[in-house]
C-alpha atoms as a PDB file:
ATOM      1  CA  MET A   1      23.409   7.960  25.054  1.00  0.00           C
ATOM      2  CA  LEU A   2      22.997   4.223  24.703  1.00  0.00           C
ATOM      3  CA  GLU A   3      25.291   1.949  26.669  1.00  0.00           C
ATOM      4  CA  LYS A   4      27.422  -0.629  24.883  1.00  0.00           C
ATOM      5  CA  THR A   5      24.934  -3.469  25.494  1.00  0.00           C
ATOM      6  CA  GLY A   6      22.042  -1.347  24.258  1.00  0.00           C
ATOM      7  CA  ARG A   7      23.926  -0.469  21.097  1.00  0.00           C
ATOM      8  CA  ARG A   8      24.613  -4.126  20.429  1.00  0.00           C
ATOM      9  CA  TRP A   9      20.976  -5.143  20.803  1.00  0.00           C
ATOM     10  CA  LEU A  10      19.852  -2.230  18.653  1.00  0.00           C
ATOM     11  CA  ARG A  11      22.375  -3.199  15.987  1.00  0.00           C
ATOM     12  CA  VAL A  12      21.094  -6.794  16.022  1.00  0.00           C
ATOM     13  CA  ILE A  13      17.476  -5.672  15.669  1.00  0.00           C
ATOM     14  CA  HIS A  14      18.461  -3.296  12.856  1.00  0.00           C
ATOM     15  CA  ILE A  15      20.224  -6.122  11.003  1.00  0.00           C
ATOM     16  CA  ILE A  16      17.176  -8.393  11.443  1.00  0.00           C
ATOM     17  CA  PHE A  17      14.926  -5.758   9.870  1.00  0.00           C
ATOM     18  CA  ILE A  18      17.374  -5.303   6.971  1.00  0.00           C
ATOM     19  CA  ALA A  19      17.484  -9.070   6.403  1.00  0.00           C
ATOM     20  CA  SER A  20      13.686  -9.228   6.519  1.00  0.00           C
ATOM     21  CA  LEU A  21      13.421  -6.391   4.002  1.00  0.00           C
ATOM     22  CA  LEU A  22      15.869  -8.067   1.644  1.00  0.00           C
ATOM     23  CA  GLY A  23      14.153 -11.434   2.085  1.00  0.00           C
ATOM     24  CA  GLY A  24      10.738  -9.948   1.373  1.00  0.00           C
ATOM     25  CA  LEU A  25      11.912  -8.234  -1.808  1.00  0.00           C
ATOM     26  CA  ALA A  26      13.794 -11.335  -2.973  1.00  0.00           C
ATOM     27  CA  SER A  27      10.744 -13.552  -2.300  1.00  0.00           C
ATOM     28  CA  ILE A  28       8.487 -11.211  -4.278  1.00  0.00           C
ATOM     29  CA  LEU A  29      10.949 -11.296  -7.188  1.00  0.00           C
ATOM     30  CA  ALA A  30      11.218 -15.106  -7.063  1.00  0.00           C
ATOM     31  CA  ILE A  31       7.429 -15.573  -7.159  1.00  0.00           C
ATOM     32  CA  HIS A  32       7.109 -12.936  -9.854  1.00  0.00           C
ATOM     33  CA  LEU A  33       9.587 -14.790 -12.092  1.00  0.00           C
ATOM     34  CA  ILE A  34       7.902 -18.219 -11.805  1.00  0.00           C
ATOM     35  CA  PRO A  35       7.257 -19.288 -15.425  1.00  0.00           C
ATOM     36  CA  GLY A  36       4.147 -20.907 -16.855  1.00  0.00           C
ATOM     37  CA  ILE A  37       1.531 -19.620 -14.390  1.00  0.00           C
ATOM     38  CA  ASP A  38      -1.986 -20.025 -15.784  1.00  0.00           C
ATOM     39  CA  THR A  39      -4.823 -17.587 -15.184  1.00  0.00           C
ATOM     40  CA  GLN A  40      -6.230 -19.619 -12.289  1.00  0.00           C
ATOM     41  CA  GLN A  41      -2.909 -19.595 -10.442  1.00  0.00           C
ATOM     42  CA  LEU A  42      -2.173 -15.979 -11.335  1.00  0.00           C
ATOM     43  CA  PHE A  43      -4.350 -14.414  -8.660  1.00  0.00           C
ATOM     44  CA  LEU A  44      -2.915 -16.706  -5.968  1.00  0.00           C
ATOM     45  CA  ALA A  45       0.652 -15.766  -6.945  1.00  0.00           C
ATOM     46  CA  ASN A  46      -0.151 -12.054  -7.038  1.00  0.00           C
ATOM     47  CA  TYR A  47      -2.043 -12.219  -3.755  1.00  0.00           C
ATOM     48  CA  THR A  48       1.026 -13.827  -2.156  1.00  0.00           C
ATOM     49  CA  ILE A  49       3.197 -11.006  -3.526  1.00  0.00           C
ATOM     50  CA  TYR A  50       0.648  -8.446  -2.279  1.00  0.00           C
ATOM     51  CA  THR A  51       0.718  -9.993   1.214  1.00  0.00           C
ATOM     52  CA  LEU A  52       4.515 -10.132   1.302  1.00  0.00           C
ATOM     53  CA  PHE A  53       4.730  -6.477   0.340  1.00  0.00           C
ATOM     54  CA  ASN A  54       2.233  -5.273   2.939  1.00  0.00           C
ATOM     55  CA  MET A  55       3.195  -7.550   5.810  1.00  0.00           C
ATOM     56  CA  VAL A  56       6.947  -8.072   5.352  1.00  0.00           C
ATOM     57  CA  VAL A  57       8.450  -5.342   3.151  1.00  0.00           C
ATOM     58  CA  THR A  58       6.424  -2.458   4.580  1.00  0.00           C
ATOM     59  CA  TRP A  59       6.927  -3.262   8.268  1.00  0.00           C
ATOM     60  CA  SER A  60      10.578  -4.224   7.768  1.00  0.00           C
ATOM     61  CA  PHE A  61      11.231  -0.867   6.122  1.00  0.00           C
ATOM     62  CA  TYR A  62       9.589   0.945   9.025  1.00  0.00           C
ATOM     63  CA  GLY A  63      11.728  -1.116  11.401  1.00  0.00           C
ATOM     64  CA  VAL A  64      14.923  -0.253   9.519  1.00  0.00           C
ATOM     65  CA  VAL A  65      14.114   3.464   9.601  1.00  0.00           C
ATOM     66  CA  ALA A  66      13.069   3.445  13.275  1.00  0.00           C
ATOM     67  CA  THR A  67      16.129   1.546  14.534  1.00  0.00           C
ATOM     68  CA  GLY A  68      18.430   3.611  12.305  1.00  0.00           C
ATOM     69  CA  LEU A  69      16.930   6.803  13.676  1.00  0.00           C
ATOM     70  CA  VAL A  70      17.343   5.676  17.288  1.00  0.00           C
ATOM     71  CA  TYR A  71      20.921   4.565  16.610  1.00  0.00           C
ATOM     72  CA  SER A  72      21.776   7.948  15.081  1.00  0.00           C
ATOM     73  CA  VAL A  73      20.162  10.061  17.791  1.00  0.00           C
ATOM     74  CA  PHE A  74      21.225   8.080  20.834  1.00  0.00           C
ATOM     75  CA  THR A  75      24.863   7.408  19.894  1.00  0.00           C
ATOM     76  CA  HIS A  76      27.818   9.622  19.142  1.00  0.00           C
ATOM     77  CA  TRP A  77      27.275   9.210  15.377  1.00  0.00           C
ATOM     78  CA  GLY A  78      24.445  11.739  15.291  1.00  0.00           C
ATOM     79  CA  LEU A  79      22.113  12.567  12.411  1.00  0.00           C
ATOM     80  CA  THR A  80      24.296  15.071  10.547  1.00  0.00           C
ATOM     81  CA  LYS A  81      27.784  14.833  12.048  1.00  0.00           C
ATOM     82  CA  HIS A  82      29.157  12.423   9.425  1.00  0.00           C
ATOM     83  CA  TRP A  83      28.815  12.479   5.684  1.00  0.00           C
ATOM     84  CA  TRP A  84      28.314   8.722   5.495  1.00  0.00           C
ATOM     85  CA  VAL A  85      25.316   8.931   7.866  1.00  0.00           C
ATOM     86  CA  ILE A  86      23.802  11.674   5.709  1.00  0.00           C
ATOM     87  CA  GLY A  87      24.469   9.484   2.655  1.00  0.00           C
ATOM     88  CA  LYS A  88      22.580   6.613   4.268  1.00  0.00           C
ATOM     89  CA  TRP A  89      19.553   8.797   4.944  1.00  0.00           C
ATOM     90  CA  VAL A  90      19.581  10.085   1.376  1.00  0.00           C
ATOM     91  CA  GLY A  91      19.719   6.495   0.127  1.00  0.00           C
ATOM     92  CA  THR A  92      16.866   5.553   2.461  1.00  0.00           C
ATOM     93  CA  VAL A  93      14.692   8.348   1.044  1.00  0.00           C
ATOM     94  CA  VAL A  94      15.468   7.175  -2.503  1.00  0.00           C
ATOM     95  CA  LEU A  95      14.583   3.595  -1.495  1.00  0.00           C
ATOM     96  CA  PHE A  96      11.309   4.791   0.025  1.00  0.00           C
ATOM     97  CA  ALA A  97      10.346   6.660  -3.144  1.00  0.00           C
ATOM     98  CA  LEU A  98      11.316   3.703  -5.326  1.00  0.00           C
ATOM     99  CA  VAL A  99       9.324   1.164  -3.349  1.00  0.00           C
ATOM    100  CA  TRP A 100       6.203   3.199  -2.598  1.00  0.00           C
ATOM    101  CA  ILE A 101       5.901   5.203  -5.808  1.00  0.00           C
ATOM    102  CA  TRP A 102       6.642   2.387  -8.283  1.00  0.00           C
ATOM    103  CA  LEU A 103       6.685  -1.040  -6.638  1.00  0.00           C
ATOM    104  CA  GLY A 104       3.618  -0.702  -4.390  1.00  0.00           C
ATOM    105  CA  PRO A 105       1.243   0.594  -7.098  1.00  0.00           C
ATOM    106  CA  ALA A 106       2.516  -2.043  -9.559  1.00  0.00           C
ATOM    107  CA  ILE A 107       1.807  -4.834  -7.060  1.00  0.00           C
ATOM    108  CA  ASN A 108      -1.646  -3.430  -6.286  1.00  0.00           C
ATOM    109  CA  GLY A 109      -2.375  -3.164  -9.992  1.00  0.00           C
ATOM    110  CA  MET A 110      -1.334  -6.752 -10.680  1.00  0.00           C
ATOM    111  CA  VAL A 111      -3.373  -8.267  -7.853  1.00  0.00           C
ATOM    112  CA  ALA A 112      -6.420  -6.124  -8.687  1.00  0.00           C
ATOM    113  CA  LEU A 113      -6.403  -6.932 -12.408  1.00  0.00           C
ATOM    114  CA  SER A 114      -5.843 -10.641 -11.800  1.00  0.00           C
ATOM    115  CA  ASP A 115      -8.736 -10.562  -9.304  1.00  0.00           C
ATOM    116  CA  ILE A 116     -10.994  -8.889 -11.875  1.00  0.00           C
ATOM    117  CA  GLY A 117      -9.884 -11.316 -14.584  1.00  0.00           C
ATOM    118  CA  LEU A 118      -7.965 -10.804 -17.812  1.00  0.00           C
ATOM    119  CA  LYS A 119     -10.893 -11.282 -20.203  1.00  0.00           C
ATOM    120  CA  ASP A 120     -11.305  -7.618 -21.124  1.00  0.00           C
ATOM    121  CA  SER A 121      -9.074  -6.792 -24.102  1.00  0.00           C
ATOM    122  CA  ALA A 122      -7.625  -3.713 -22.349  1.00  0.00           C
ATOM    123  CA  VAL A 123      -6.724  -5.536 -19.145  1.00  0.00           C
ATOM    124  CA  PRO A 124      -3.794  -7.688 -20.417  1.00  0.00           C
ATOM    125  CA  HIS A 125      -2.047  -4.562 -21.719  1.00  0.00           C
ATOM    126  CA  ASP A 126      -2.418  -2.777 -18.369  1.00  0.00           C
ATOM    127  CA  TYR A 127      -1.347  -5.920 -16.546  1.00  0.00           C
ATOM    128  CA  ALA A 128       1.763  -6.250 -18.707  1.00  0.00           C
ATOM    129  CA  GLU A 129       2.812  -2.680 -17.849  1.00  0.00           C
ATOM    130  CA  TYR A 130       2.628  -3.415 -14.110  1.00  0.00           C
ATOM    131  CA  HIS A 131       4.269  -6.810 -14.599  1.00  0.00           C
ATOM    132  CA  ASN A 132       7.250  -5.344 -16.445  1.00  0.00           C
ATOM    133  CA  THR A 133       7.829  -2.793 -13.666  1.00  0.00           C
ATOM    134  CA  ILE A 134       8.450  -5.307 -10.877  1.00  0.00           C
ATOM    135  CA  THR A 135      11.811  -6.849 -11.826  1.00  0.00           C
ATOM    136  CA  PRO A 136      13.850  -3.673 -12.526  1.00  0.00           C
ATOM    137  CA  VAL A 137      12.410  -1.840  -9.509  1.00  0.00           C
ATOM    138  CA  ILE A 138      13.182  -4.685  -7.089  1.00  0.00           C
ATOM    139  CA  ALA A 139      16.653  -5.160  -8.603  1.00  0.00           C
ATOM    140  CA  PHE A 140      17.385  -1.453  -8.126  1.00  0.00           C
ATOM    141  CA  ALA A 141      15.960  -1.510  -4.585  1.00  0.00           C
ATOM    142  CA  ILE A 142      18.166  -4.457  -3.613  1.00  0.00           C
ATOM    143  CA  LEU A 143      21.189  -2.682  -5.137  1.00  0.00           C
ATOM    144  CA  ILE A 144      20.454   0.407  -3.009  1.00  0.00           C
ATOM    145  CA  ILE A 145      20.184  -1.738   0.128  1.00  0.00           C
ATOM    146  CA  PHE A 146      23.584  -3.314  -0.541  1.00  0.00           C
ATOM    147  CA  ILE A 147      25.069   0.135  -1.164  1.00  0.00           C
ATOM    148  CA  LEU A 148      23.674   1.311   2.188  1.00  0.00           C
ATOM    149  CA  ILE A 149      25.124  -1.771   3.892  1.00  0.00           C
ATOM    150  CA  SER A 150      28.512  -1.059   2.285  1.00  0.00           C
ATOM    151  CA  ILE A 151      28.386   2.548   3.484  1.00  0.00           C
ATOM    152  CA  THR A 152      27.704   1.315   7.015  1.00  0.00           C
ATOM    153  CA  ILE A 153      30.629  -1.105   6.921  1.00  0.00           C
ATOM    154  CA  PHE A 154      33.276   1.065   5.239  1.00  0.00           C
ATOM    155  CA  ARG A 155      32.105   4.562   6.282  1.00  0.00           C
ATOM    156  CA  PRO A 156      33.777   6.086   3.210  1.00  0.00           C
ATOM    157  CA  TRP A 157      33.300   9.752   4.068  1.00  0.00           C
ATOM    158  CA  GLY A 158      34.622  11.605   7.071  1.00  0.00           C
ATOM    159  CA  GLN A 159      33.088  13.866   9.649  1.00  0.00           C
ATOM    160  CA  ARG A 160      31.476  17.135   8.619  1.00  0.00           C
ATOM    161  CA  THR A 161      32.832  20.480   9.712  1.00  0.00           C
ATOM    162  CA  GLN A 162      29.960  22.043  11.644  1.00  0.00           C
ATOM    163  CA  LYS A 163      30.072  25.698  12.562  1.00  0.00           C
ATOM    164  CA  HIS A 164      26.981  25.425  14.722  1.00  0.00           C
ATOM    165  CA  GLU A 165      26.163  22.020  16.158  1.00  0.00           C
ATOM    166  CA  MET A 166      22.511  21.433  16.941  1.00  0.00           C
ATOM    167  CA  PRO A 167      22.043  20.700  20.674  1.00  0.00           C
ATOM    168  CA  ARG A 168      21.201  17.065  21.429  1.00  0.00           C
ATOM    169  CA  ARG A 169      18.155  18.102  23.454  1.00  0.00           C
ATOM    170  CA  LEU A 170      16.744  19.978  20.447  1.00  0.00           C
ATOM    171  CA  VAL A 171      17.441  16.984  18.184  1.00  0.00           C
ATOM    172  CA  LEU A 172      15.637  14.661  20.595  1.00  0.00           C
ATOM    173  CA  THR A 173      12.707  17.054  20.920  1.00  0.00           C
ATOM    174  CA  LEU A 174      12.252  17.479  17.177  1.00  0.00           C
ATOM    175  CA  THR A 175      12.668  13.741  16.593  1.00  0.00           C
ATOM    176  CA  GLY A 176      10.158  12.921  19.317  1.00  0.00           C
ATOM    177  CA  ILE A 177       7.598  15.360  17.919  1.00  0.00           C
ATOM    178  CA  GLY A 178       8.067  13.924  14.440  1.00  0.00           C
ATOM    179  CA  VAL A 179       7.661  10.338  15.650  1.00  0.00           C
ATOM    180  CA  VAL A 180       4.559  11.138  17.729  1.00  0.00           C
ATOM    181  CA  LEU A 181       2.915  13.047  14.874  1.00  0.00           C
ATOM    182  CA  GLY A 182       3.803  10.351  12.340  1.00  0.00           C
ATOM    183  CA  VAL A 183       2.534   7.480  14.496  1.00  0.00           C
ATOM    184  CA  GLY A 184      -0.574   9.409  15.549  1.00  0.00           C
ATOM    185  CA  LEU A 185      -1.586  10.333  12.012  1.00  0.00           C
ATOM    186  CA  GLY A 186      -0.809   6.800  10.852  1.00  0.00           C
ATOM    187  CA  VAL A 187      -3.027   5.238  13.536  1.00  0.00           C
ATOM    188  CA  ILE A 188      -5.888   7.665  12.821  1.00  0.00           C
ATOM    189  CA  GLY A 189      -5.634   6.997   9.084  1.00  0.00           C
ATOM    190  CA  TYR A 190      -5.482   3.225   9.629  1.00  0.00           C
ATOM    191  CA  TYR A 191      -8.622   3.065  11.773  1.00  0.00           C
ATOM    192  CA  ASP A 192     -10.494   5.399   9.438  1.00  0.00           C
ATOM    193  CA  LEU A 193      -9.548   3.152   6.520  1.00  0.00           C
ATOM    194  CA  GLU A 194     -10.534   0.001   8.413  1.00  0.00           C
ATOM    195  CA  SER A 195     -13.933   1.467   9.304  1.00  0.00           C
ATOM    196  CA  TYR A 196     -14.739   1.656   5.599  1.00  0.00           C
ATOM    197  CA  ARG A 197     -13.143  -1.654   4.700  1.00  0.00           C
ATOM    198  CA  ASN A 198     -15.242  -3.393   7.361  1.00  0.00           C
ATOM    199  CA  MET A 199     -18.548  -1.714   6.461  1.00  0.00           C
ATOM    200  CA  GLU A 200     -21.473  -4.112   6.509  1.00  0.00           C
ATOM    201  CA  ILE A 201     -23.218  -4.290   3.162  1.00  0.00           C
ATOM    202  CA  GLY A 202     -26.903  -5.197   3.233  1.00  0.00           C
ATOM    203  CA  ASN A 203     -28.989  -7.249   0.822  1.00  0.00           C
ATOM    204  CA  PRO A 204     -31.979  -5.090  -0.177  1.00  0.00           C
ATOM    205  CA  ASP A 205     -35.189  -6.924  -1.100  1.00  0.00           C
ATOM    206  CA  LEU A 206     -35.326  -6.380  -4.859  1.00  0.00           C
ATOM    207  CA  THR A 207     -39.024  -7.272  -4.992  1.00  0.00           C
ATOM    208  CA  GLN A 208     -39.658  -4.016  -3.117  1.00  0.00           C
ATOM    209  CA  VAL A 209     -37.600  -1.904  -5.514  1.00  0.00           C
ATOM    210  CA  PRO A 210     -39.581  -0.279  -8.371  1.00  0.00           C
ATOM    211  CA  ASP A 211     -38.369  -0.444 -11.941  1.00  0.00           C
ATOM    212  CA  GLY A 212     -36.192   2.452 -12.995  1.00  0.00           C
ATOM    213  CA  ILE A 213     -32.772   3.975 -12.452  1.00  0.00           C
ATOM    214  CA  HIS A 214     -31.917   4.767  -8.852  1.00  0.00           C
ATOM    215  CA  ARG A 215     -28.955   6.748  -7.526  1.00  0.00           C
ATOM    216  CA  GLY A 216     -26.927   6.322  -4.372  1.00  0.00           C
ATOM    217  CA  SER A 217     -23.846   8.112  -3.028  1.00  0.00           C
ATOM    218  CA  VAL A 218     -21.133   7.588  -0.422  1.00  0.00           C
ATOM    219  CA  SER A 219     -18.505  10.118   0.666  1.00  0.00           C
ATOM    220  CA  TYR A 220     -15.047   9.081   1.755  1.00  0.00           C
ATOM    221  CA  SER A 221     -11.856  11.070   2.256  1.00  0.00           C
ATOM    222  CA  GLY A 222     -13.133  14.062   0.329  1.00  0.00           C
ATOM    223  CA  PHE A 223     -14.362  11.993  -2.637  1.00  0.00           C
ATOM    224  CA  GLU A 224     -17.926  11.308  -3.717  1.00  0.00           C
ATOM    225  CA  TYR A 225     -18.843   7.897  -5.097  1.00  0.00           C
ATOM    226  CA  THR A 226     -22.173   7.973  -6.964  1.00  0.00           C
ATOM    227  CA  VAL A 227     -23.798   5.084  -8.810  1.00  0.00           C
ATOM    228  CA  ALA A 228     -26.908   4.674 -10.926  1.00  0.00           C
ATOM    229  CA  VAL A 229     -28.542   1.261 -10.536  1.00  0.00           C
ATOM    230  CA  LYS A 230     -31.041   0.111 -13.151  1.00  0.00           C
ATOM    231  CA  VAL A 231     -33.718  -2.282 -11.871  1.00  0.00           C
ATOM    232  CA  GLN A 232     -36.163  -4.083 -14.125  1.00  0.00           C
ATOM    233  CA  GLU A 233     -38.687  -6.699 -12.998  1.00  0.00           C
ATOM    234  CA  SER A 234     -37.014  -6.989  -9.571  1.00  0.00           C
ATOM    235  CA  LYS A 235     -33.586  -7.591 -11.072  1.00  0.00           C
ATOM    236  CA  ILE A 236     -30.432  -5.483 -11.224  1.00  0.00           C
ATOM    237  CA  VAL A 237     -29.774  -5.195 -14.953  1.00  0.00           C
ATOM    238  CA  GLY A 238     -27.082  -2.521 -14.893  1.00  0.00           C
ATOM    239  CA  VAL A 239     -24.894  -0.359 -12.682  1.00  0.00           C
ATOM    240  CA  GLY A 240     -23.345   2.852 -13.950  1.00  0.00           C
ATOM    241  CA  LEU A 241     -20.686   5.023 -12.340  1.00  0.00           C
ATOM    242  CA  VAL A 242     -21.940   8.606 -12.194  1.00  0.00           C
ATOM    243  CA  GLN A 243     -19.082   9.902 -10.073  1.00  0.00           C
ATOM    244  CA  ASN A 244     -15.925   8.087  -9.057  1.00  0.00           C
ATOM    245  CA  ARG A 245     -12.480   9.048  -7.870  1.00  0.00           C
ATOM    246  CA  GLU A 246     -10.055   9.524 -10.746  1.00  0.00           C
ATOM    247  CA  SER A 247      -7.389   7.009  -9.851  1.00  0.00           C
ATOM    248  CA  GLU A 248      -6.258   3.538 -10.795  1.00  0.00           C
ATOM    249  CA  TYR A 249      -7.694   2.119  -7.562  1.00  0.00           C
ATOM    250  CA  ALA A 250     -11.134   3.522  -8.406  1.00  0.00           C
ATOM    251  CA  ARG A 251     -10.910   2.005 -11.876  1.00  0.00           C
ATOM    252  CA  PHE A 252      -9.978  -1.374 -10.401  1.00  0.00           C
ATOM    253  CA  ALA A 253     -12.908  -1.208  -7.969  1.00  0.00           C
ATOM    254  CA  GLU A 254     -15.336  -0.992 -10.879  1.00  0.00           C
ATOM    255  CA  GLY A 255     -14.672  -4.718 -11.270  1.00  0.00           C
ATOM    256  CA  ILE A 256     -17.340  -5.355  -8.625  1.00  0.00           C
ATOM    257  CA  ILE A 257     -20.123  -4.371 -11.050  1.00  0.00           C
ATOM    258  CA  PRO A 258     -20.282  -7.740 -12.907  1.00  0.00           C
ATOM    259  CA  ARG A 259     -20.229  -9.474  -9.515  1.00  0.00           C
ATOM    260  CA  VAL A 260     -23.138  -7.375  -8.242  1.00  0.00           C
ATOM    261  CA  ILE A 261     -25.202  -8.152 -11.344  1.00  0.00           C
ATOM    262  CA  ALA A 262     -24.325 -11.853 -11.210  1.00  0.00           C
ATOM    263  CA  LYS A 263     -25.201 -12.159  -7.506  1.00  0.00           C
ATOM    264  CA  GLN A 264     -28.105  -9.681  -7.647  1.00  0.00           C
ATOM    265  CA  SER A 265     -26.801  -8.087  -4.477  1.00  0.00           C
ATOM    266  CA  PRO A 266     -24.341  -5.329  -3.532  1.00  0.00           C
ATOM    267  CA  ASP A 267     -22.798  -7.672  -0.938  1.00  0.00           C
ATOM    268  CA  VAL A 268     -20.014  -9.200  -3.029  1.00  0.00           C
ATOM    269  CA  ASP A 269     -16.276  -9.783  -2.650  1.00  0.00           C
ATOM    270  CA  GLY A 270     -14.273  -6.592  -3.124  1.00  0.00           C
ATOM    271  CA  ILE A 271     -11.384  -6.228  -5.539  1.00  0.00           C
ATOM    272  CA  THR A 272      -8.089  -7.038  -3.830  1.00  0.00           C
ATOM    273  CA  GLY A 273      -5.824  -3.999  -3.947  1.00  0.00           C
ATOM    274  CA  ALA A 274      -8.839  -1.668  -4.149  1.00  0.00           C
ATOM    275  CA  THR A 275     -10.784  -2.884  -1.136  1.00  0.00           C
ATOM    276  CA  THR A 276     -11.807   0.491   0.290  1.00  0.00           C
ATOM    277  CA  THR A 277     -13.107   1.897  -2.999  1.00  0.00           C
ATOM    278  CA  SER A 278     -14.888  -1.401  -3.670  1.00  0.00           C
ATOM    279  CA  LYS A 279     -16.701  -1.109  -0.340  1.00  0.00           C
ATOM    280  CA  CYS A 280     -17.676   2.499  -1.090  1.00  0.00           C
ATOM    281  CA  LEU A 281     -19.204   1.484  -4.416  1.00  0.00           C
ATOM    282  CA  MET A 282     -21.022  -1.462  -2.827  1.00  0.00           C
ATOM    283  CA  LYS A 283     -22.451   0.820  -0.154  1.00  0.00           C
ATOM    284  CA  ALA A 284     -23.547   3.344  -2.776  1.00  0.00           C
ATOM    285  CA  ILE A 285     -25.398   0.559  -4.638  1.00  0.00           C
ATOM    286  CA  GLU A 286     -27.050  -0.546  -1.412  1.00  0.00           C
ATOM    287  CA  ILE A 287     -28.111   3.037  -0.623  1.00  0.00           C
ATOM    288  CA  ALA A 288     -29.551   3.420  -4.137  1.00  0.00           C
ATOM    289  CA  LEU A 289     -31.665   0.271  -3.765  1.00  0.00           C
ATOM    290  CA  GLU A 290     -32.751   0.996  -0.197  1.00  0.00           C
ATOM    291  CA  GLY A 291     -33.659   4.573  -1.131  1.00  0.00           C
ATOM    292  CA  ALA A 292     -35.736   3.394  -4.054  1.00  0.00           C
ATOM    293  CA  LYS A 293     -37.839   1.232  -1.719  1.00  0.00           C
END
């Protein structure tokens, strides 16, 4: 059980994370609603939103959940003793689904499409769909946060009648196992992702590559990325996707192809919001050219 001073500090930290989460969402909404942004400023605005989401909203949410979990387990409130605590956790799950199923993909889509450019006739329509998602989702998310704050303040529901109370030691054990597994898998996934995002992409000597169509493949996370690179008179004249992951991120990453042809090298800037897939496609192009030599 936490002492009184510990509870106070934990409460302060919890409130700071909540304020940071609200501030991040409100800042994203404010930038999103700026009128009259031209195409040159669009990527900068979306990149700022993308950074706010990943650096402020994401980590603040994790902080809110972590401090709330500690406060529940290590005080007399418990995880399931009171209906209002259960209500808060239900609301938190709804908030998580709202933010990571709708808001996150919409932000990634906006930054990726603005990075690619809005010249393709199909792109503005896709961009508009993501753009129109942001405002209602953030408004609903902020409403949920204020509802959760109100539940904390007023505690509208009483204590549950429990026939069999779960022993505190068992609660702590299960919570500890869950936290360790969650953090461990998260760290492993993060470093695996970073290893691909930080792959070095070479610059094959095109004068050594014979004319023809050359294939290269890269495997990542159970997916196979295969490209066909057409070389003519020591120039890359076309890149085709033979096999790609069926997802929006994979589709966004295909935006590197015009960059590769323009630079005559697979070592180009990736598409923001689809960095990992971009790197996989770049590496596949490099492998195709190096293999042809």
